[in-house]
Structure formats: C-alpha cells, structure tokens
C-alpha cells in the first residue's frame, strides 16, 4: 500500500512539473508574440536604398530578370 502512495506522489510531481513547464512555455510564447506584434516592419528604407525588382531595358550592361534568377540559383547568392 505504501508503494502505491509513493508512486502516486511521484506521478503527481511529474504531472505538476509538466503542467508548470507547459504553462511557462505558453505564456512565454504569448509574451514574445505581443512583443513582435507591435513591431512595425514595413518602414520605407532610408539612405541609398536600391529597388531590387526594378527592371531596366535601357542599358545593355544590366542583365535581364531571368539571367539574374539563373545566377541566383547557380551561385546561391
């Protein structure tokens, strides 16, 4: 009988630890989510920013979009 009580108490401690860690993780995720929810990521760039998707056909020195895409897949840059 005493072994059952000890086993029950050990099981209860493990369940309590599991529930505590789960709640800690859950509220930690909520806190991180709230921190980044108010973070505005869509500011316009400042300085000498260059539009990456701008395609120019006026100068022959600039490669086409498909050529640049091929370079991206070949070089991994």
PDB file of N, CA and C in Angstrom:
ATOM      1  N   UNK A   1       0.828  -1.199   0.000  1.00  0.00           N
ATOM      2  CA  UNK A   1       0.000   0.000   0.000  1.00  0.00           C
ATOM      3  C   UNK A   1       0.866   1.253   0.000  1.00  0.00           C
ATOM      4  N   UNK A   2       1.943   1.206   0.766  1.00  0.00           N
ATOM      5  CA  UNK A   2       2.823   2.363   0.865  1.00  0.00           C
ATOM      6  C   UNK A   2       3.496   2.640  -0.477  1.00  0.00           C
ATOM      7  N   UNK A   3       3.812   1.594  -1.224  1.00  0.00           N
ATOM      8  CA  UNK A   3       4.421   1.773  -2.539  1.00  0.00           C
ATOM      9  C   UNK A   3       3.482   2.490  -3.505  1.00  0.00           C
ATOM     10  N   UNK A   4       2.190   2.195  -3.404  1.00  0.00           N
ATOM     11  CA  UNK A   4       1.207   2.864  -4.281  1.00  0.00           C
ATOM     12  C   UNK A   4       1.114   4.355  -3.975  1.00  0.00           C
ATOM     13  N   UNK A   5       1.172   4.696  -2.733  1.00  0.00           N
ATOM     14  CA  UNK A   5       1.104   6.108  -2.338  1.00  0.00           C
ATOM     15  C   UNK A   5       2.342   6.852  -2.822  1.00  0.00           C
ATOM     16  N   UNK A   6       3.500   6.237  -2.666  1.00  0.00           N
ATOM     17  CA  UNK A   6       4.743   6.874  -3.119  1.00  0.00           C
ATOM     18  C   UNK A   6       4.726   7.025  -4.643  1.00  0.00           C
ATOM     19  N   UNK A   7       4.272   5.982  -5.341  1.00  0.00           N
ATOM     20  CA  UNK A   7       4.183   6.052  -6.798  1.00  0.00           C
ATOM     21  C   UNK A   7       3.179   7.126  -7.226  1.00  0.00           C
ATOM     22  N   UNK A   8       2.086   7.245  -6.511  1.00  0.00           N
ATOM     23  CA  UNK A   8       1.088   8.276  -6.819  1.00  0.00           C
ATOM     24  C   UNK A   8       1.643   9.674  -6.614  1.00  0.00           C
ATOM     25  N   UNK A   9       2.403   9.860  -5.534  1.00  0.00           N
ATOM     26  CA  UNK A   9       3.005  11.166  -5.268  1.00  0.00           C
ATOM     27  C   UNK A   9       4.060  11.515  -6.327  1.00  0.00           C
ATOM     28  N   UNK A  10       4.844  10.532  -6.730  1.00  0.00           N
ATOM     29  CA  UNK A  10       5.838  10.766  -7.776  1.00  0.00           C
ATOM     30  C   UNK A  10       5.148  11.122  -9.097  1.00  0.00           C
ATOM     31  N   UNK A  11       4.081  10.436  -9.423  1.00  0.00           N
ATOM     32  CA  UNK A  11       3.318  10.739 -10.639  1.00  0.00           C
ATOM     33  C   UNK A  11       2.728  12.144 -10.572  1.00  0.00           C
ATOM     34  N   UNK A  12       2.205  12.496  -9.405  1.00  0.00           N
ATOM     35  CA  UNK A  12       1.642  13.836  -9.229  1.00  0.00           C
ATOM     36  C   UNK A  12       2.714  14.904  -9.396  1.00  0.00           C
ATOM     37  N   UNK A  13       3.916  14.672  -8.861  1.00  0.00           N
ATOM     38  CA  UNK A  13       5.004  15.642  -9.007  1.00  0.00           C
ATOM     39  C   UNK A  13       5.406  15.800 -10.472  1.00  0.00           C
ATOM     40  N   UNK A  14       5.468  14.684 -11.195  1.00  0.00           N
ATOM     41  CA  UNK A  14       5.830  14.758 -12.615  1.00  0.00           C
ATOM     42  C   UNK A  14       4.750  15.497 -13.396  1.00  0.00           C
ATOM     43  N   UNK A  15       3.486  15.211 -13.099  1.00  0.00           N
ATOM     44  CA  UNK A  15       2.391  15.925 -13.784  1.00  0.00           C
ATOM     45  C   UNK A  15       2.422  17.409 -13.458  1.00  0.00           C
ATOM     46  N   UNK A  16       2.680  17.748 -12.218  1.00  0.00           N
ATOM     47  CA  UNK A  16       2.757  19.147 -11.813  1.00  0.00           C
ATOM     48  C   UNK A  16       3.910  19.853 -12.512  1.00  0.00           C
ATOM     49  N   UNK A  17       5.053  19.187 -12.615  1.00  0.00           N
ATOM     50  CA  UNK A  17       6.199  19.757 -13.321  1.00  0.00           C
ATOM     51  C   UNK A  17       5.883  19.939 -14.808  1.00  0.00           C
ATOM     52  N   UNK A  18       5.239  18.961 -15.418  1.00  0.00           N
ATOM     53  CA  UNK A  18       4.866  19.050 -16.830  1.00  0.00           C
ATOM     54  C   UNK A  18       3.892  20.195 -17.073  1.00  0.00           C
ATOM     55  N   UNK A  19       2.892  20.310 -16.244  1.00  0.00           N
ATOM     56  CA  UNK A  19       1.905  21.386 -16.396  1.00  0.00           C
ATOM     57  C   UNK A  19       2.562  22.742 -16.188  1.00  0.00           C
ATOM     58  N   UNK A  20       3.456  22.838 -15.192  1.00  0.00           N
ATOM     59  CA  UNK A  20       4.150  24.103 -14.944  1.00  0.00           C
ATOM     60  C   UNK A  20       5.021  24.514 -16.129  1.00  0.00           C
ATOM     61  N   UNK A  21       5.770  23.560 -16.674  1.00  0.00           N
ATOM     62  CA  UNK A  21       6.618  23.881 -17.831  1.00  0.00           C
ATOM     63  C   UNK A  21       5.789  24.242 -19.056  1.00  0.00           C
ATOM     64  N   UNK A  22       4.677  23.555 -19.238  1.00  0.00           N
ATOM     65  CA  UNK A  22       3.792  23.860 -20.359  1.00  0.00           C
ATOM     66  C   UNK A  22       3.225  25.264 -20.241  1.00  0.00           C
ATOM     67  N   UNK A  23       2.777  25.641 -19.060  1.00  0.00           N
ATOM     68  CA  UNK A  23       2.248  26.994 -18.855  1.00  0.00           C
ATOM     69  C   UNK A  23       3.338  28.047 -19.035  1.00  0.00           C
ATOM     70  N   UNK A  24       4.529  27.761 -18.535  1.00  0.00           N
ATOM     71  CA  UNK A  24       5.646  28.682 -18.714  1.00  0.00           C
ATOM     72  C   UNK A  24       5.944  28.886 -20.192  1.00  0.00           C
ATOM     73  N   UNK A  25       5.987  27.805 -20.952  1.00  0.00           N
ATOM     74  CA  UNK A  25       6.237  27.882 -22.388  1.00  0.00           C
ATOM     75  C   UNK A  25       5.117  28.644 -23.094  1.00  0.00           C
ATOM     76  N   UNK A  26       3.866  28.362 -22.742  1.00  0.00           N
ATOM     77  CA  UNK A  26       2.714  29.002 -23.373  1.00  0.00           C
ATOM     78  C   UNK A  26       2.729  30.515 -23.139  1.00  0.00           C
ATOM     79  N   UNK A  27       2.924  30.924 -21.900  1.00  0.00           N
ATOM     80  CA  UNK A  27       2.935  32.357 -21.612  1.00  0.00           C
ATOM     81  C   UNK A  27       4.193  33.036 -22.158  1.00  0.00           C
ATOM     82  N   UNK A  28       5.275  32.313 -22.267  1.00  0.00           N
ATOM     83  CA  UNK A  28       6.468  32.861 -22.918  1.00  0.00           C
ATOM     84  C   UNK A  28       6.217  33.123 -24.395  1.00  0.00           C
ATOM     85  N   UNK A  29       5.561  32.189 -25.066  1.00  0.00           N
ATOM     86  CA  UNK A  29       5.214  32.385 -26.479  1.00  0.00           C
ATOM     87  C   UNK A  29       4.250  33.558 -26.630  1.00  0.00           C
ATOM     88  N   UNK A  30       3.295  33.687 -25.749  1.00  0.00           N
ATOM     89  CA  UNK A  30       2.376  34.833 -25.799  1.00  0.00           C
ATOM     90  C   UNK A  30       3.124  36.145 -25.616  1.00  0.00           C
ATOM     91  N   UNK A  31       4.085  36.173 -24.706  1.00  0.00           N
ATOM     92  CA  UNK A  31       4.848  37.398 -24.459  1.00  0.00           C
ATOM     93  C   UNK A  31       5.665  37.772 -25.685  1.00  0.00           C
ATOM     94  N   UNK A  32       6.338  36.805 -26.293  1.00  0.00           N
ATOM     95  CA  UNK A  32       7.130  37.076 -27.494  1.00  0.00           C
ATOM     96  C   UNK A  32       6.224  37.535 -28.624  1.00  0.00           C
ATOM     97  N   UNK A  33       5.067  36.917 -28.748  1.00  0.00           N
ATOM     98  CA  UNK A  33       4.126  37.300 -29.794  1.00  0.00           C
ATOM     99  C   UNK A  33       3.662  38.746 -29.611  1.00  0.00           C
ATOM    100  N   UNK A  34       3.382  39.142 -28.390  1.00  0.00           N
ATOM    101  CA  UNK A  34       2.955  40.515 -28.136  1.00  0.00           C
ATOM    102  C   UNK A  34       4.081  41.506 -28.380  1.00  0.00           C
ATOM    103  N   UNK A  35       5.308  41.104 -28.081  1.00  0.00           N
ATOM    104  CA  UNK A  35       6.449  41.992 -28.321  1.00  0.00           C
ATOM    105  C   UNK A  35       6.605  42.294 -29.811  1.00  0.00           C
ATOM    106  N   UNK A  36       6.496  41.277 -30.632  1.00  0.00           N
ATOM    107  CA  UNK A  36       6.707  41.460 -32.057  1.00  0.00           C
ATOM    108  C   UNK A  36       5.464  41.915 -32.796  1.00  0.00           C
ATOM    109  N   UNK A  37       4.304  41.851 -32.156  1.00  0.00           N
ATOM    110  CA  UNK A  37       3.075  42.319 -32.789  1.00  0.00           C
ATOM    111  C   UNK A  37       3.094  43.829 -32.950  1.00  0.00           C
ATOM    112  N   UNK A  38       3.686  44.523 -32.010  1.00  0.00           N
ATOM    113  CA  UNK A  38       3.724  45.979 -32.074  1.00  0.00           C
ATOM    114  C   UNK A  38       4.920  46.491 -32.870  1.00  0.00           C
ATOM    115  N   UNK A  39       5.787  45.597 -33.303  1.00  0.00           N
ATOM    116  CA  UNK A  39       6.983  45.977 -34.065  1.00  0.00           C
ATOM    117  C   UNK A  39       6.598  46.209 -35.513  1.00  0.00           C
ATOM    118  N   UNK A  40       6.777  47.436 -35.980  1.00  0.00           N
ATOM    119  CA  UNK A  40       6.395  47.786 -37.347  1.00  0.00           C
ATOM    120  C   UNK A  40       7.558  47.473 -38.270  1.00  0.00           C
ATOM    121  N   UNK A  41       7.383  46.486 -39.161  1.00  0.00           N
ATOM    122  CA  UNK A  41       8.472  46.004 -40.007  1.00  0.00           C
ATOM    123  C   UNK A  41       8.493  46.639 -41.383  1.00  0.00           C
ATOM    124  N   UNK A  42       7.526  47.456 -41.704  1.00  0.00           N
ATOM    125  CA  UNK A  42       7.379  47.905 -43.074  1.00  0.00           C
ATOM    126  C   UNK A  42       7.749  49.369 -43.268  1.00  0.00           C
ATOM    127  N   UNK A  43       8.760  49.830 -42.581  1.00  0.00           N
ATOM    128  CA  UNK A  43       9.240  51.187 -42.779  1.00  0.00           C
ATOM    129  C   UNK A  43       9.922  51.276 -44.139  1.00  0.00           C
ATOM    130  N   UNK A  44       9.776  52.431 -44.773  1.00  0.00           N
ATOM    131  CA  UNK A  44      10.463  52.603 -46.044  1.00  0.00           C
ATOM    132  C   UNK A  44      11.957  52.787 -45.771  1.00  0.00           C
ATOM    133  N   UNK A  45      12.809  52.237 -46.629  1.00  0.00           N
ATOM    134  CA  UNK A  45      14.248  52.333 -46.382  1.00  0.00           C
ATOM    135  C   UNK A  45      14.751  53.761 -46.519  1.00  0.00           C
ATOM    136  N   UNK A  46      15.781  54.051 -45.769  1.00  0.00           N
ATOM    137  CA  UNK A  46      16.365  55.380 -45.844  1.00  0.00           C
ATOM    138  C   UNK A  46      17.786  55.266 -46.366  1.00  0.00           C
ATOM    139  N   UNK A  47      18.326  56.354 -46.877  1.00  0.00           N
ATOM    140  CA  UNK A  47      19.694  56.330 -47.376  1.00  0.00           C
ATOM    141  C   UNK A  47      19.739  55.993 -48.861  1.00  0.00           C
ATOM    142  N   UNK A  48      20.766  55.292 -49.266  1.00  0.00           N
ATOM    143  CA  UNK A  48      20.968  54.959 -50.670  1.00  0.00           C
ATOM    144  C   UNK A  48      20.381  53.589 -51.000  1.00  0.00           C
ATOM    145  N   UNK A  49      19.108  53.391 -50.693  1.00  0.00           N
ATOM    146  CA  UNK A  49      18.458  52.117 -50.961  1.00  0.00           C
ATOM    147  C   UNK A  49      18.172  51.986 -52.451  1.00  0.00           C
ATOM    148  N   UNK A  50      18.296  50.773 -52.949  1.00  0.00           N
ATOM    149  CA  UNK A  50      18.057  50.489 -54.359  1.00  0.00           C
ATOM    150  C   UNK A  50      16.903  49.516 -54.446  1.00  0.00           C
ATOM    151  N   UNK A  51      15.974  49.789 -55.342  1.00  0.00           N
ATOM    152  CA  UNK A  51      14.851  48.893 -55.537  1.00  0.00           C
ATOM    153  C   UNK A  51      15.359  47.657 -56.274  1.00  0.00           C
ATOM    154  N   UNK A  52      15.196  46.511 -55.692  1.00  0.00           N
ATOM    155  CA  UNK A  52      15.780  45.288 -56.228  1.00  0.00           C
ATOM    156  C   UNK A  52      15.007  44.777 -57.428  1.00  0.00           C
ATOM    157  N   UNK A  53      13.710  44.951 -57.440  1.00  0.00           N
ATOM    158  CA  UNK A  53      12.910  44.377 -58.510  1.00  0.00           C
ATOM    159  C   UNK A  53      12.778  45.299 -59.714  1.00  0.00           C
ATOM    160  N   UNK A  54      13.444  46.438 -59.701  1.00  0.00           N
ATOM    161  CA  UNK A  54      13.370  47.353 -60.839  1.00  0.00           C
ATOM    162  C   UNK A  54      14.080  46.728 -62.035  1.00  0.00           C
ATOM    163  N   UNK A  55      13.368  46.627 -63.144  1.00  0.00           N
ATOM    164  CA  UNK A  55      13.933  46.025 -64.343  1.00  0.00           C
ATOM    165  C   UNK A  55      14.163  47.126 -65.372  1.00  0.00           C
ATOM    166  N   UNK A  56      15.395  47.267 -65.834  1.00  0.00           N
ATOM    167  CA  UNK A  56      15.715  48.308 -66.803  1.00  0.00           C
ATOM    168  C   UNK A  56      16.168  47.660 -68.097  1.00  0.00           C
ATOM    169  N   UNK A  57      15.575  48.085 -69.194  1.00  0.00           N
ATOM    170  CA  UNK A  57      15.954  47.583 -70.513  1.00  0.00           C
ATOM    171  C   UNK A  57      16.740  48.621 -71.298  1.00  0.00           C
ATOM    172  N   UNK A  58      16.935  49.793 -70.717  1.00  0.00           N
ATOM    173  CA  UNK A  58      17.572  50.877 -71.452  1.00  0.00           C
ATOM    174  C   UNK A  58      19.076  50.677 -71.605  1.00  0.00           C
ATOM    175  N   UNK A  59      19.717  50.032 -70.657  1.00  0.00           N
ATOM    176  CA  UNK A  59      21.165  49.848 -70.716  1.00  0.00           C
ATOM    177  C   UNK A  59      21.490  48.385 -70.999  1.00  0.00           C
ATOM    178  N   UNK A  60      22.352  48.100 -71.971  1.00  0.00           N
ATOM    179  CA  UNK A  60      22.676  46.699 -72.270  1.00  0.00           C
ATOM    180  C   UNK A  60      23.592  46.048 -71.224  1.00  0.00           C
ATOM    181  N   UNK A  61      24.190  46.839 -70.320  1.00  0.00           N
ATOM    182  CA  UNK A  61      25.078  46.281 -69.303  1.00  0.00           C
ATOM    183  C   UNK A  61      24.326  45.498 -68.236  1.00  0.00           C
ATOM    184  N   UNK A  62      23.056  45.809 -68.040  1.00  0.00           N
ATOM    185  CA  UNK A  62      22.274  45.171 -66.982  1.00  0.00           C
ATOM    186  C   UNK A  62      21.661  43.876 -67.503  1.00  0.00           C
ATOM    187  N   UNK A  63      21.862  42.775 -66.786  1.00  0.00           N
ATOM    188  CA  UNK A  63      21.267  41.505 -67.212  1.00  0.00           C
ATOM    189  C   UNK A  63      19.759  41.487 -66.979  1.00  0.00           C
ATOM    190  N   UNK A  64      19.064  40.621 -67.702  1.00  0.00           N
ATOM    191  CA  UNK A  64      17.617  40.536 -67.562  1.00  0.00           C
ATOM    192  C   UNK A  64      17.251  39.838 -66.250  1.00  0.00           C
ATOM    193  N   UNK A  65      15.979  39.852 -65.957  1.00  0.00           N
ATOM    194  CA  UNK A  65      15.498  39.239 -64.730  1.00  0.00           C
ATOM    195  C   UNK A  65      15.751  37.734 -64.743  1.00  0.00           C
ATOM    196  N   UNK A  66      15.541  37.081 -65.868  1.00  0.00           N
ATOM    197  CA  UNK A  66      15.778  35.642 -65.953  1.00  0.00           C
ATOM    198  C   UNK A  66      17.256  35.298 -65.811  1.00  0.00           C
ATOM    199  N   UNK A  67      18.131  36.128 -66.348  1.00  0.00           N
ATOM    200  CA  UNK A  67      19.565  35.895 -66.200  1.00  0.00           C
ATOM    201  C   UNK A  67      19.979  36.031 -64.743  1.00  0.00           C
ATOM    202  N   UNK A  68      19.462  37.043 -64.089  1.00  0.00           N
ATOM    203  CA  UNK A  68      19.788  37.226 -62.669  1.00  0.00           C
ATOM    204  C   UNK A  68      19.240  36.084 -61.825  1.00  0.00           C
ATOM    205  N   UNK A  69      18.034  35.592 -62.176  1.00  0.00           N
ATOM    206  CA  UNK A  69      17.461  34.464 -61.454  1.00  0.00           C
ATOM    207  C   UNK A  69      18.311  33.210 -61.657  1.00  0.00           C
ATOM    208  N   UNK A  70      18.804  33.011 -62.872  1.00  0.00           N
ATOM    209  CA  UNK A  70      19.700  31.890 -63.132  1.00  0.00           C
ATOM    210  C   UNK A  70      20.981  31.986 -62.333  1.00  0.00           C
ATOM    211  N   UNK A  71      21.550  33.170 -62.242  1.00  0.00           N
ATOM    212  CA  UNK A  71      22.756  33.373 -61.432  1.00  0.00           C
ATOM    213  C   UNK A  71      22.475  33.077 -59.953  1.00  0.00           C
ATOM    214  N   UNK A  72      21.286  33.484 -59.518  1.00  0.00           N
ATOM    215  CA  UNK A  72      20.911  33.245 -58.122  1.00  0.00           C
ATOM    216  C   UNK A  72      20.897  31.746 -57.826  1.00  0.00           C
ATOM    217  N   UNK A  73      20.288  30.965 -58.725  1.00  0.00           N
ATOM    218  CA  UNK A  73      20.229  29.518 -58.494  1.00  0.00           C
ATOM    219  C   UNK A  73      21.593  28.850 -58.666  1.00  0.00           C
ATOM    220  N   UNK A  74      22.408  29.347 -59.565  1.00  0.00           N
ATOM    221  CA  UNK A  74      23.724  28.752 -59.765  1.00  0.00           C
ATOM    222  C   UNK A  74      24.692  29.063 -58.632  1.00  0.00           C
ATOM    223  N   UNK A  75      24.714  30.320 -58.228  1.00  0.00           N
ATOM    224  CA  UNK A  75      25.701  30.757 -57.242  1.00  0.00           C
ATOM    225  C   UNK A  75      25.195  30.711 -55.807  1.00  0.00           C
ATOM    226  N   UNK A  76      23.888  30.660 -55.653  1.00  0.00           N
ATOM    227  CA  UNK A  76      23.327  30.633 -54.303  1.00  0.00           C
ATOM    228  C   UNK A  76      23.450  31.940 -53.578  1.00  0.00           C
ATOM    229  N   UNK A  77      23.486  33.037 -54.300  1.00  0.00           N
ATOM    230  CA  UNK A  77      23.605  34.355 -53.674  1.00  0.00           C
ATOM    231  C   UNK A  77      22.325  35.113 -53.827  1.00  0.00           C
TER     232      UNK A  77
END
